[in-house]
C-alpha atoms as a PDB file:
ATOM      1  CA  MET A   1      32.767 -10.174  -2.111  1.00  0.00           C
ATOM      2  CA  ALA A   2      33.050 -10.070  -5.899  1.00  0.00           C
ATOM      3  CA  THR A   3      30.895 -12.521  -7.770  1.00  0.00           C
ATOM      4  CA  ARG A   4      30.788 -13.199 -11.503  1.00  0.00           C
ATOM      5  CA  ASN A   5      28.488 -16.186 -11.538  1.00  0.00           C
ATOM      6  CA  LYS A   6      24.972 -15.792 -10.269  1.00  0.00           C
ATOM      7  CA  THR A   7      24.988 -19.335  -8.913  1.00  0.00           C
ATOM      8  CA  GLU A   8      27.754 -18.341  -6.483  1.00  0.00           C
ATOM      9  CA  VAL A   9      25.523 -15.734  -4.824  1.00  0.00           C
ATOM     10  CA  THR A  10      23.705 -17.687  -2.131  1.00  0.00           C
ATOM     11  CA  GLU A  11      22.984 -14.729   0.147  1.00  0.00           C
ATOM     12  CA  PHE A  12      22.886 -10.944   0.225  1.00  0.00           C
ATOM     13  CA  PHE A  13      24.094  -8.510   2.869  1.00  0.00           C
ATOM     14  CA  LEU A  14      21.587  -5.701   3.469  1.00  0.00           C
ATOM     15  CA  LEU A  15      23.257  -2.407   4.377  1.00  0.00           C
ATOM     16  CA  GLY A  16      20.091  -1.175   6.107  1.00  0.00           C
ATOM     17  CA  LEU A  17      18.868   2.375   6.573  1.00  0.00           C
ATOM     18  CA  SER A  18      22.017   3.955   7.944  1.00  0.00           C
ATOM     19  CA  SER A  19      25.663   3.104   8.496  1.00  0.00           C
ATOM     20  CA  TRP A  20      25.835   5.299  11.629  1.00  0.00           C
ATOM     21  CA  THR A  21      25.975   2.846  14.516  1.00  0.00           C
ATOM     22  CA  GLU A  22      24.979   5.429  17.115  1.00  0.00           C
ATOM     23  CA  MET A  23      21.780   6.209  15.201  1.00  0.00           C
ATOM     24  CA  GLN A  24      20.528   2.616  15.090  1.00  0.00           C
ATOM     25  CA  PRO A  25      18.585   2.701  18.426  1.00  0.00           C
ATOM     26  CA  VAL A  26      16.919   5.984  17.434  1.00  0.00           C
ATOM     27  CA  ILE A  27      15.968   4.611  14.010  1.00  0.00           C
ATOM     28  CA  PHE A  28      14.693   1.426  15.664  1.00  0.00           C
ATOM     29  CA  GLY A  29      12.443   3.360  18.044  1.00  0.00           C
ATOM     30  CA  ILE A  30      10.990   5.662  15.381  1.00  0.00           C
ATOM     31  CA  VAL A  31      10.319   2.899  12.846  1.00  0.00           C
ATOM     32  CA  LEU A  32       8.843   0.588  15.503  1.00  0.00           C
ATOM     33  CA  ALA A  33       6.471   3.333  16.686  1.00  0.00           C
ATOM     34  CA  MET A  34       5.326   4.064  13.120  1.00  0.00           C
ATOM     35  CA  TYR A  35       4.894   0.359  12.415  1.00  0.00           C
ATOM     36  CA  LEU A  36       2.709  -0.155  15.489  1.00  0.00           C
ATOM     37  CA  VAL A  37       0.615   2.935  14.668  1.00  0.00           C
ATOM     38  CA  SER A  38       0.194   1.640  11.111  1.00  0.00           C
ATOM     39  CA  LEU A  39      -0.927  -1.801  12.288  1.00  0.00           C
ATOM     40  CA  MET A  40      -3.340  -0.353  14.832  1.00  0.00           C
ATOM     41  CA  GLY A  41      -4.852   2.220  12.457  1.00  0.00           C
ATOM     42  CA  ASN A  42      -5.299  -0.164   9.551  1.00  0.00           C
ATOM     43  CA  SER A  43      -6.645  -2.914  11.820  1.00  0.00           C
ATOM     44  CA  LEU A  44      -9.289  -0.534  13.150  1.00  0.00           C
ATOM     45  CA  LEU A  45     -10.313   0.425   9.625  1.00  0.00           C
ATOM     46  CA  VAL A  46     -10.636  -3.229   8.626  1.00  0.00           C
ATOM     47  CA  ILE A  47     -12.723  -4.000  11.725  1.00  0.00           C
ATOM     48  CA  VAL A  48     -15.148  -1.097  11.347  1.00  0.00           C
ATOM     49  CA  ALA A  49     -15.470  -1.510   7.565  1.00  0.00           C
ATOM     50  CA  LEU A  50     -16.369  -5.182   7.881  1.00  0.00           C
ATOM     51  CA  SER A  51     -18.466  -5.039  11.057  1.00  0.00           C
ATOM     52  CA  ASP A  52     -20.322  -1.717  11.105  1.00  0.00           C
ATOM     53  CA  PRO A  53     -23.773  -2.068   9.467  1.00  0.00           C
ATOM     54  CA  LYS A  54     -23.612   1.467   8.033  1.00  0.00           C
ATOM     55  CA  LEU A  55     -20.346   0.725   6.205  1.00  0.00           C
ATOM     56  CA  GLN A  56     -21.517  -2.378   4.330  1.00  0.00           C
ATOM     57  CA  THR A  57     -21.017  -0.743   0.948  1.00  0.00           C
ATOM     58  CA  PRO A  58     -18.667  -1.521  -1.966  1.00  0.00           C
ATOM     59  CA  MET A  59     -16.546   1.560  -1.222  1.00  0.00           C
ATOM     60  CA  TYR A  60     -15.792   0.494   2.337  1.00  0.00           C
ATOM     61  CA  PHE A  61     -15.168  -3.081   1.246  1.00  0.00           C
ATOM     62  CA  LEU A  62     -12.422  -1.703  -1.018  1.00  0.00           C
ATOM     63  CA  LEU A  63     -11.161   0.490   1.823  1.00  0.00           C
ATOM     64  CA  SER A  64     -10.882  -2.558   4.089  1.00  0.00           C
ATOM     65  CA  GLN A  65      -8.866  -4.320   1.386  1.00  0.00           C
ATOM     66  CA  LEU A  66      -6.584  -1.281   1.071  1.00  0.00           C
ATOM     67  CA  SER A  67      -5.973  -1.313   4.823  1.00  0.00           C
ATOM     68  CA  PHE A  68      -5.197  -5.026   4.688  1.00  0.00           C
ATOM     69  CA  ILE A  69      -2.715  -4.372   1.867  1.00  0.00           C
ATOM     70  CA  ASP A  70      -1.021  -1.632   3.908  1.00  0.00           C
ATOM     71  CA  MET A  71      -0.595  -4.005   6.861  1.00  0.00           C
ATOM     72  CA  PHE A  72       0.762  -6.697   4.550  1.00  0.00           C
ATOM     73  CA  LEU A  73       3.174  -4.260   2.860  1.00  0.00           C
ATOM     74  CA  THR A  74       4.731  -3.040   6.090  1.00  0.00           C
ATOM     75  CA  THR A  75       4.957  -6.553   7.535  1.00  0.00           C
ATOM     76  CA  ILE A  76       6.895  -7.763   4.483  1.00  0.00           C
ATOM     77  CA  THR A  77       9.724  -5.278   5.115  1.00  0.00           C
ATOM     78  CA  VAL A  78       9.606  -3.611   8.550  1.00  0.00           C
ATOM     79  CA  PRO A  79      10.064  -6.547  11.007  1.00  0.00           C
ATOM     80  CA  GLN A  80      13.176  -7.698   9.142  1.00  0.00           C
ATOM     81  CA  MET A  81      14.456  -4.119   9.057  1.00  0.00           C
ATOM     82  CA  LEU A  82      13.939  -3.741  12.807  1.00  0.00           C
ATOM     83  CA  VAL A  83      15.883  -6.924  13.515  1.00  0.00           C
ATOM     84  CA  HIS A  84      18.724  -5.861  11.223  1.00  0.00           C
ATOM     85  CA  THR A  85      18.848  -2.383  12.734  1.00  0.00           C
ATOM     86  CA  LEU A  86      20.093  -3.774  16.059  1.00  0.00           C
ATOM     87  CA  SER A  87      22.111  -6.625  14.561  1.00  0.00           C
ATOM     88  CA  VAL A  88      25.409  -6.963  12.737  1.00  0.00           C
ATOM     89  CA  ASN A  89      24.111 -10.040  10.928  1.00  0.00           C
ATOM     90  CA  ARG A  90      22.092  -8.460   8.103  1.00  0.00           C
ATOM     91  CA  ILE A  91      22.226 -11.440   5.794  1.00  0.00           C
ATOM     92  CA  ILE A  92      19.281 -12.742   3.787  1.00  0.00           C
ATOM     93  CA  SER A  93      19.482 -15.876   1.671  1.00  0.00           C
ATOM     94  CA  PHE A  94      19.013 -15.664  -2.083  1.00  0.00           C
ATOM     95  CA  ASN A  95      15.770 -17.675  -1.945  1.00  0.00           C
ATOM     96  CA  CYS A  96      14.350 -15.570   0.906  1.00  0.00           C
ATOM     97  CA  CYS A  97      15.298 -12.458  -1.045  1.00  0.00           C
ATOM     98  CA  LEU A  98      13.313 -13.689  -4.047  1.00  0.00           C
ATOM     99  CA  ILE A  99      10.310 -14.494  -1.857  1.00  0.00           C
ATOM    100  CA  GLN A 100      10.415 -11.028  -0.289  1.00  0.00           C
ATOM    101  CA  LEU A 101      10.755  -9.437  -3.731  1.00  0.00           C
ATOM    102  CA  PHE A 102       7.771 -11.404  -5.036  1.00  0.00           C
ATOM    103  CA  PHE A 103       5.439 -10.436  -2.195  1.00  0.00           C
ATOM    104  CA  PHE A 104       6.611  -6.818  -2.053  1.00  0.00           C
ATOM    105  CA  MET A 105       6.041  -6.227  -5.764  1.00  0.00           C
ATOM    106  CA  ALA A 106       2.713  -8.073  -5.777  1.00  0.00           C
ATOM    107  CA  VAL A 107       1.339  -6.235  -2.735  1.00  0.00           C
ATOM    108  CA  GLY A 108       2.712  -2.872  -3.873  1.00  0.00           C
ATOM    109  CA  SER A 109       1.119  -3.253  -7.307  1.00  0.00           C
ATOM    110  CA  MET A 110      -2.132  -4.415  -5.739  1.00  0.00           C
ATOM    111  CA  GLU A 111      -2.446  -1.119  -3.876  1.00  0.00           C
ATOM    112  CA  GLY A 112      -2.595   0.767  -7.165  1.00  0.00           C
ATOM    113  CA  HIS A 113      -5.290  -1.548  -8.520  1.00  0.00           C
ATOM    114  CA  LEU A 114      -7.411  -1.055  -5.400  1.00  0.00           C
ATOM    115  CA  LEU A 115      -7.070   2.717  -5.672  1.00  0.00           C
ATOM    116  CA  ALA A 116      -8.196   2.486  -9.312  1.00  0.00           C
ATOM    117  CA  ALA A 117     -11.250   0.469  -8.258  1.00  0.00           C
ATOM    118  CA  MET A 118     -12.026   3.061  -5.583  1.00  0.00           C
ATOM    119  CA  ALA A 119     -11.707   5.844  -8.179  1.00  0.00           C
ATOM    120  CA  TYR A 120     -14.205   4.025 -10.425  1.00  0.00           C
ATOM    121  CA  ASP A 121     -16.569   3.662  -7.470  1.00  0.00           C
ATOM    122  CA  ARG A 122     -16.405   7.401  -6.764  1.00  0.00           C
ATOM    123  CA  CYS A 123     -16.795   8.209 -10.458  1.00  0.00           C
ATOM    124  CA  VAL A 124     -20.033   6.230 -10.725  1.00  0.00           C
ATOM    125  CA  ALA A 125     -21.325   7.603  -7.400  1.00  0.00           C
ATOM    126  CA  ILE A 126     -20.836  11.217  -8.524  1.00  0.00           C
ATOM    127  CA  CYS A 127     -21.463  11.007 -12.272  1.00  0.00           C
ATOM    128  CA  ASP A 128     -24.276   8.455 -12.340  1.00  0.00           C
ATOM    129  CA  PRO A 129     -25.735   8.283  -8.813  1.00  0.00           C
ATOM    130  CA  LEU A 130     -29.141   6.925  -9.866  1.00  0.00           C
ATOM    131  CA  ARG A 131     -27.566   3.818 -11.397  1.00  0.00           C
ATOM    132  CA  TYR A 132     -24.872   3.377  -8.739  1.00  0.00           C
ATOM    133  CA  SER A 133     -26.512   0.385  -7.044  1.00  0.00           C
ATOM    134  CA  ALA A 134     -27.078  -1.305 -10.385  1.00  0.00           C
ATOM    135  CA  ILE A 135     -23.467  -0.818 -11.541  1.00  0.00           C
ATOM    136  CA  ILE A 136     -21.400  -1.157  -8.360  1.00  0.00           C
ATOM    137  CA  SER A 137     -21.918  -4.116  -6.059  1.00  0.00           C
ATOM    138  CA  ARG A 138     -19.935  -5.962  -3.441  1.00  0.00           C
ATOM    139  CA  HIS A 139     -19.762  -8.940  -5.805  1.00  0.00           C
ATOM    140  CA  LEU A 140     -18.235  -6.767  -8.535  1.00  0.00           C
ATOM    141  CA  CYS A 141     -15.644  -5.394  -6.091  1.00  0.00           C
ATOM    142  CA  LEU A 142     -14.782  -8.928  -5.017  1.00  0.00           C
ATOM    143  CA  ARG A 143     -14.270  -9.989  -8.629  1.00  0.00           C
ATOM    144  CA  ILE A 144     -12.091  -6.925  -9.299  1.00  0.00           C
ATOM    145  CA  THR A 145     -10.007  -7.695  -6.218  1.00  0.00           C
ATOM    146  CA  LEU A 146      -9.479 -11.362  -7.111  1.00  0.00           C
ATOM    147  CA  THR A 147      -8.660 -10.557 -10.744  1.00  0.00           C
ATOM    148  CA  SER A 148      -6.184  -7.899  -9.664  1.00  0.00           C
ATOM    149  CA  TRP A 149      -4.474 -10.367  -7.321  1.00  0.00           C
ATOM    150  CA  VAL A 150      -3.999 -12.791 -10.224  1.00  0.00           C
ATOM    151  CA  VAL A 151      -2.564 -10.075 -12.498  1.00  0.00           C
ATOM    152  CA  VAL A 152      -0.126  -8.613  -9.961  1.00  0.00           C
ATOM    153  CA  SER A 153       0.986 -12.077  -8.811  1.00  0.00           C
ATOM    154  CA  LEU A 154       1.856 -13.127 -12.359  1.00  0.00           C
ATOM    155  CA  ASN A 155       3.655  -9.822 -12.907  1.00  0.00           C
ATOM    156  CA  SER A 156       5.639 -10.237  -9.703  1.00  0.00           C
ATOM    157  CA  LEU A 157       6.476 -13.849 -10.545  1.00  0.00           C
ATOM    158  CA  LEU A 158       7.871 -12.740 -13.901  1.00  0.00           C
ATOM    159  CA  TYR A 159      10.166 -10.195 -12.223  1.00  0.00           C
ATOM    160  CA  SER A 160      11.337 -12.776  -9.687  1.00  0.00           C
ATOM    161  CA  VAL A 161      12.198 -15.280 -12.430  1.00  0.00           C
ATOM    162  CA  LEU A 162      14.171 -12.653 -14.356  1.00  0.00           C
ATOM    163  CA  VAL A 163      16.175 -11.803 -11.233  1.00  0.00           C
ATOM    164  CA  THR A 164      17.317 -15.431 -11.048  1.00  0.00           C
ATOM    165  CA  ARG A 165      18.837 -14.961 -14.515  1.00  0.00           C
ATOM    166  CA  LEU A 166      20.978 -11.977 -13.495  1.00  0.00           C
ATOM    167  CA  THR A 167      24.697 -12.197 -12.835  1.00  0.00           C
ATOM    168  CA  PHE A 168      25.856 -10.270  -9.777  1.00  0.00           C
ATOM    169  CA  CYS A 169      29.199  -8.583  -9.129  1.00  0.00           C
ATOM    170  CA  GLY A 170      28.721  -8.541  -5.365  1.00  0.00           C
ATOM    171  CA  ASN A 171      26.317  -9.397  -2.596  1.00  0.00           C
ATOM    172  CA  GLN A 172      25.926  -6.069  -0.756  1.00  0.00           C
ATOM    173  CA  LEU A 173      22.498  -4.517  -1.321  1.00  0.00           C
ATOM    174  CA  THR A 174      22.310  -0.795  -0.566  1.00  0.00           C
ATOM    175  CA  HIS A 175      18.849  -1.196   0.875  1.00  0.00           C
ATOM    176  CA  PHE A 176      16.956  -2.509   3.897  1.00  0.00           C
ATOM    177  CA  PHE A 177      15.013  -5.143   1.927  1.00  0.00           C
ATOM    178  CA  CYS A 178      15.201  -6.966  -1.396  1.00  0.00           C
ATOM    179  CA  ASP A 179      13.829  -4.667  -4.073  1.00  0.00           C
ATOM    180  CA  ILE A 180      14.186  -4.773  -7.835  1.00  0.00           C
ATOM    181  CA  THR A 181      16.118  -1.487  -8.056  1.00  0.00           C
ATOM    182  CA  PRO A 182      19.210  -2.412  -5.947  1.00  0.00           C
ATOM    183  CA  LEU A 183      19.236  -5.899  -7.470  1.00  0.00           C
ATOM    184  CA  LEU A 184      19.442  -4.427 -10.983  1.00  0.00           C
ATOM    185  CA  LYS A 185      22.154  -2.048  -9.801  1.00  0.00           C
ATOM    186  CA  LEU A 186      24.149  -4.979  -8.442  1.00  0.00           C
ATOM    187  CA  SER A 187      24.045  -6.790 -11.778  1.00  0.00           C
ATOM    188  CA  CYS A 188      27.403  -7.167 -13.571  1.00  0.00           C
ATOM    189  CA  THR A 189      25.981  -6.134 -16.924  1.00  0.00           C
ATOM    190  CA  ARG A 190      23.256  -3.695 -17.776  1.00  0.00           C
ATOM    191  CA  PRO A 191      20.006  -5.685 -17.441  1.00  0.00           C
ATOM    192  CA  VAL A 192      18.448  -4.449 -20.697  1.00  0.00           C
ATOM    193  CA  VAL A 193      15.707  -7.072 -20.740  1.00  0.00           C
ATOM    194  CA  ASN A 194      14.661  -6.264 -17.187  1.00  0.00           C
ATOM    195  CA  GLU A 195      14.626  -2.514 -17.883  1.00  0.00           C
ATOM    196  CA  MET A 196      12.541  -3.037 -21.017  1.00  0.00           C
ATOM    197  CA  LEU A 197      10.166  -5.142 -18.958  1.00  0.00           C
ATOM    198  CA  ILE A 198       9.824  -2.387 -16.355  1.00  0.00           C
ATOM    199  CA  PHE A 199       9.037   0.234 -18.992  1.00  0.00           C
ATOM    200  CA  THR A 200       6.588  -1.954 -20.955  1.00  0.00           C
ATOM    201  CA  GLU A 201       4.875  -4.699 -19.002  1.00  0.00           C
ATOM    202  CA  GLY A 202       5.627  -2.909 -15.721  1.00  0.00           C
ATOM    203  CA  VAL A 203       3.967   0.263 -16.980  1.00  0.00           C
ATOM    204  CA  ALA A 204       0.939  -1.735 -18.108  1.00  0.00           C
ATOM    205  CA  VAL A 205       0.473  -3.412 -14.711  1.00  0.00           C
ATOM    206  CA  VAL A 206       1.662  -0.708 -12.304  1.00  0.00           C
ATOM    207  CA  VAL A 207       1.040   2.631 -14.027  1.00  0.00           C
ATOM    208  CA  SER A 208      -2.115   1.815 -16.023  1.00  0.00           C
ATOM    209  CA  PRO A 209      -4.223   2.016 -12.823  1.00  0.00           C
ATOM    210  CA  PHE A 210      -2.833   5.546 -12.366  1.00  0.00           C
ATOM    211  CA  PHE A 211      -4.023   6.590 -15.838  1.00  0.00           C
ATOM    212  CA  PHE A 212      -7.376   4.970 -15.111  1.00  0.00           C
ATOM    213  CA  ILE A 213      -7.571   7.071 -11.929  1.00  0.00           C
ATOM    214  CA  LEU A 214      -6.747  10.214 -13.914  1.00  0.00           C
ATOM    215  CA  GLY A 215      -9.492   9.391 -16.413  1.00  0.00           C
ATOM    216  CA  SER A 216     -12.001   8.787 -13.631  1.00  0.00           C
ATOM    217  CA  TYR A 217     -11.201  12.117 -12.002  1.00  0.00           C
ATOM    218  CA  ALA A 218     -11.372  13.900 -15.337  1.00  0.00           C
ATOM    219  CA  ARG A 219     -14.939  12.675 -15.663  1.00  0.00           C
ATOM    220  CA  ILE A 220     -15.628  13.602 -12.039  1.00  0.00           C
ATOM    221  CA  GLY A 221     -14.251  17.073 -12.715  1.00  0.00           C
ATOM    222  CA  VAL A 222     -16.645  17.539 -15.613  1.00  0.00           C
ATOM    223  CA  ALA A 223     -19.561  16.407 -13.434  1.00  0.00           C
ATOM    224  CA  ILE A 224     -18.547  18.745 -10.617  1.00  0.00           C
ATOM    225  CA  ALA A 225     -18.286  21.661 -13.055  1.00  0.00           C
ATOM    226  CA  HIS A 226     -21.949  21.193 -13.928  1.00  0.00           C
ATOM    227  CA  MET A 227     -23.138  21.054 -10.320  1.00  0.00           C
ATOM    228  CA  HIS A 228     -25.279  24.008  -9.238  1.00  0.00           C
ATOM    229  CA  SER A 229     -25.847  22.935  -5.637  1.00  0.00           C
ATOM    230  CA  VAL A 230     -23.174  24.083  -3.193  1.00  0.00           C
ATOM    231  CA  ALA A 231     -24.010  21.206  -0.850  1.00  0.00           C
ATOM    232  CA  ALA A 232     -23.601  18.633  -3.642  1.00  0.00           C
ATOM    233  CA  LEU A 233     -20.329  20.239  -4.721  1.00  0.00           C
ATOM    234  CA  ARG A 234     -18.989  20.200  -1.160  1.00  0.00           C
ATOM    235  CA  LYS A 235     -20.016  16.551  -0.699  1.00  0.00           C
ATOM    236  CA  ALA A 236     -18.345  15.511  -3.973  1.00  0.00           C
ATOM    237  CA  LEU A 237     -15.082  17.247  -3.080  1.00  0.00           C
ATOM    238  CA  SER A 238     -15.141  15.781   0.417  1.00  0.00           C
ATOM    239  CA  THR A 239     -15.719  12.300  -0.997  1.00  0.00           C
ATOM    240  CA  CYS A 240     -12.725  12.522  -3.323  1.00  0.00           C
ATOM    241  CA  SER A 241     -10.178  14.493  -1.284  1.00  0.00           C
ATOM    242  CA  SER A 242      -8.947  11.602   0.877  1.00  0.00           C
ATOM    243  CA  HIS A 243      -8.595   9.296  -2.099  1.00  0.00           C
ATOM    244  CA  ILE A 244      -6.693  11.906  -4.134  1.00  0.00           C
ATOM    245  CA  LEU A 245      -4.226  12.455  -1.293  1.00  0.00           C
ATOM    246  CA  VAL A 246      -3.551   8.717  -0.942  1.00  0.00           C
ATOM    247  CA  VAL A 247      -3.053   8.402  -4.727  1.00  0.00           C
ATOM    248  CA  LEU A 248      -0.505  11.236  -4.704  1.00  0.00           C
ATOM    249  CA  LEU A 249       1.395   9.668  -1.804  1.00  0.00           C
ATOM    250  CA  LEU A 250       1.555   6.284  -3.528  1.00  0.00           C
ATOM    251  CA  TYR A 251       2.363   7.219  -7.107  1.00  0.00           C
ATOM    252  CA  GLY A 252       4.719  10.026  -6.178  1.00  0.00           C
ATOM    253  CA  SER A 253       6.909   7.385  -4.510  1.00  0.00           C
ATOM    254  CA  VAL A 254       6.438   4.713  -7.193  1.00  0.00           C
ATOM    255  CA  ILE A 255       7.339   6.967 -10.116  1.00  0.00           C
ATOM    256  CA  ARG A 256      10.350   8.329  -8.244  1.00  0.00           C
ATOM    257  CA  MET A 257      11.676   4.867  -7.372  1.00  0.00           C
ATOM    258  CA  TYR A 258      11.055   2.668 -10.406  1.00  0.00           C
ATOM    259  CA  LEU A 259      10.228   4.421 -13.665  1.00  0.00           C
ATOM    260  CA  ARG A 260      13.722   5.398 -14.776  1.00  0.00           C
ATOM    261  CA  PRO A 261      16.822   3.654 -16.205  1.00  0.00           C
ATOM    262  CA  SER A 262      19.135   1.901 -13.740  1.00  0.00           C
ATOM    263  CA  SER A 263      21.958   4.320 -14.679  1.00  0.00           C
ATOM    264  CA  ASN A 264      19.951   7.089 -13.003  1.00  0.00           C
ATOM    265  CA  TYR A 265      19.347   5.223  -9.758  1.00  0.00           C
ATOM    266  CA  ASP A 266      20.477   6.958  -6.578  1.00  0.00           C
ATOM    267  CA  LEU A 267      20.280   4.190  -3.999  1.00  0.00           C
ATOM    268  CA  GLU A 268      20.746   6.538  -1.036  1.00  0.00           C
ATOM    269  CA  GLN A 269      17.757   8.640  -2.071  1.00  0.00           C
ATOM    270  CA  ASP A 270      15.820   5.501  -2.973  1.00  0.00           C
ATOM    271  CA  ARG A 271      16.186   4.224   0.587  1.00  0.00           C
ATOM    272  CA  GLN A 272      14.637   7.437   1.888  1.00  0.00           C
ATOM    273  CA  VAL A 273      11.753   7.176  -0.579  1.00  0.00           C
ATOM    274  CA  ALA A 274      11.335   3.485   0.264  1.00  0.00           C
ATOM    275  CA  ILE A 275      10.979   4.155   3.996  1.00  0.00           C
ATOM    276  CA  PHE A 276       8.314   6.732   3.162  1.00  0.00           C
ATOM    277  CA  TYR A 277       6.526   4.275   0.859  1.00  0.00           C
ATOM    278  CA  THR A 278       6.738   1.219   3.144  1.00  0.00           C
ATOM    279  CA  VAL A 279       6.325   2.815   6.588  1.00  0.00           C
ATOM    280  CA  VAL A 280       5.058   6.396   6.480  1.00  0.00           C
ATOM    281  CA  THR A 281       2.376   6.064   3.788  1.00  0.00           C
ATOM    282  CA  PRO A 282       0.698   2.959   5.300  1.00  0.00           C
ATOM    283  CA  MET A 283       0.653   4.813   8.631  1.00  0.00           C
ATOM    284  CA  LEU A 284      -0.904   7.938   7.096  1.00  0.00           C
ATOM    285  CA  ASN A 285      -3.579   6.203   5.003  1.00  0.00           C
ATOM    286  CA  PRO A 286      -5.903   5.224   7.901  1.00  0.00           C
ATOM    287  CA  LEU A 287      -5.439   8.677   9.445  1.00  0.00           C
ATOM    288  CA  ILE A 288      -6.389  10.330   6.149  1.00  0.00           C
ATOM    289  CA  TYR A 289      -9.500   8.212   5.686  1.00  0.00           C
ATOM    290  CA  SER A 290     -10.629   8.439   9.313  1.00  0.00           C
ATOM    291  CA  LEU A 291      -9.977  12.134   9.972  1.00  0.00           C
ATOM    292  CA  ARG A 292     -11.548  13.316   6.692  1.00  0.00           C
ATOM    293  CA  ASN A 293     -14.464  10.888   6.553  1.00  0.00           C
ATOM    294  CA  GLN A 294     -17.491  11.490   8.760  1.00  0.00           C
ATOM    295  CA  GLU A 295     -18.875   7.981   8.208  1.00  0.00           C
ATOM    296  CA  VAL A 296     -15.625   6.331   9.317  1.00  0.00           C
ATOM    297  CA  LYS A 297     -15.360   8.636  12.326  1.00  0.00           C
ATOM    298  CA  GLY A 298     -18.939   7.796  13.248  1.00  0.00           C
ATOM    299  CA  ALA A 299     -18.238   4.071  12.926  1.00  0.00           C
ATOM    300  CA  LEU A 300     -15.148   4.400  15.119  1.00  0.00           C
ATOM    301  CA  ARG A 301     -17.155   6.270  17.765  1.00  0.00           C
ATOM    302  CA  ARG A 302     -19.804   3.556  17.726  1.00  0.00           C
ATOM    303  CA  LEU A 303     -17.159   0.855  18.034  1.00  0.00           C
ATOM    304  CA  PHE A 304     -15.421   2.563  20.974  1.00  0.00           C
ATOM    305  CA  LYS A 305     -18.758   3.239  22.652  1.00  0.00           C
ATOM    306  CA  LYS A 306     -19.706  -0.429  22.376  1.00  0.00           C
ATOM    307  CA  LEU A 307     -16.354  -1.446  23.821  1.00  0.00           C
ATOM    308  CA  CYS A 308     -16.747   0.998  26.718  1.00  0.00           C
ATOM    309  CA  ILE A 309     -20.283  -0.186  27.455  1.00  0.00           C
ATOM    310  CA  SER A 310     -19.322  -3.859  27.347  1.00  0.00           C
ATOM    311  CA  GLY A 311     -16.370  -3.162  29.635  1.00  0.00           C
ATOM    312  CA  ASN A 312     -18.102  -0.966  32.243  1.00  0.00           C
ATOM    313  CA  PHE A 313     -21.555  -2.537  32.611  1.00  0.00           C
ATOM    314  CA  GLN A 314     -22.830  -5.955  33.602  1.00  0.00           C
ATOM    315  CA  PRO A 315     -25.383  -7.626  31.325  1.00  0.00           C
ATOM    316  CA  GLY A 316     -28.823  -6.285  32.099  1.00  0.00           C
ATOM    317  CA  SER A 317     -31.389  -3.722  31.180  1.00  0.00           C
ATOM    318  CA  GLN A 318     -28.934  -0.789  31.158  1.00  0.00           C
ATOM    319  CA  VAL A 319     -26.681  -2.507  28.702  1.00  0.00           C
ATOM    320  CA  ASN A 320     -29.588  -3.426  26.466  1.00  0.00           C
ATOM    321  CA  GLY A 321     -30.802   0.143  26.556  1.00  0.00           C
ATOM    322  CA  GLY A 322     -27.318   1.357  25.703  1.00  0.00           C
ATOM    323  CA  TRP A 323     -27.115  -0.918  22.681  1.00  0.00           C
ATOM    324  CA  GLN A 324     -30.489   0.291  21.488  1.00  0.00           C
ATOM    325  CA  ASN A 325     -29.341   3.896  21.711  1.00  0.00           C
ATOM    326  CA  ILE A 326     -26.201   3.139  19.709  1.00  0.00           C
ATOM    327  CA  SER A 327     -28.047   1.477  16.892  1.00  0.00           C
END
């Protein structure tokens, strides 16, 4: 359906992940399994980070917020995609599209800000360990989180308002959710203002945390180079390795998808990157942090042991003894 006036576009048709009808059940099963694993893994991280006494530190508070963001990010896009995968009615209203765009961009940007805060936490812990408790606190992390939410929400609101000012030549989005890239591609004229916004204000909000992370790790690298203890060096590398891997997964996708002119967009490739960014990465993050972090693995073991004890024993002296052993 050709459309020259933006007010005539009241809904969009999402083409989904694949046009192969016979592949839809397979895609549905794979994406559903990854979504459930992502929800379960991130939920466990949130629970242990907020409930385990040994994880009541600023770093694990930030990790719990990152896991919450990952659950939020997948829930914004995946349930709708699953419904559309097995349905011929893949229509989303213009207003719902704007709402999805707002939350997706806000939550996606928030992930970068949390990773920057975590990089700062690690930088202080390694470079200035004696003053760590005086510099980093749970209250500071809470203020950083709230401030970041305000910044990314305003940024996302600005993008959403600019989309309402676009004129569209059709209503078929080559995507499985409403994202800024296919919407710009669908515009009748080259959206110069929107592209300038992406490369200026967008860089400031989305990419500046990445440069902050690079600066933090540059300082960490200098500190590590001056370490003479093998044990301290090993601990520092172990502390940072999980975070570095998550940063690479996130920003590799973000830079590939958004930081280029709309004339260079390849929507087919972008859909593949988007499924990695919205489904695979949130599923991998809790696995990365749990498998490579002894404290998280210990907290998970304590949680499962408590659940097993509470499920297999009646209240009494044995249970009390078991709880004392755990703590």
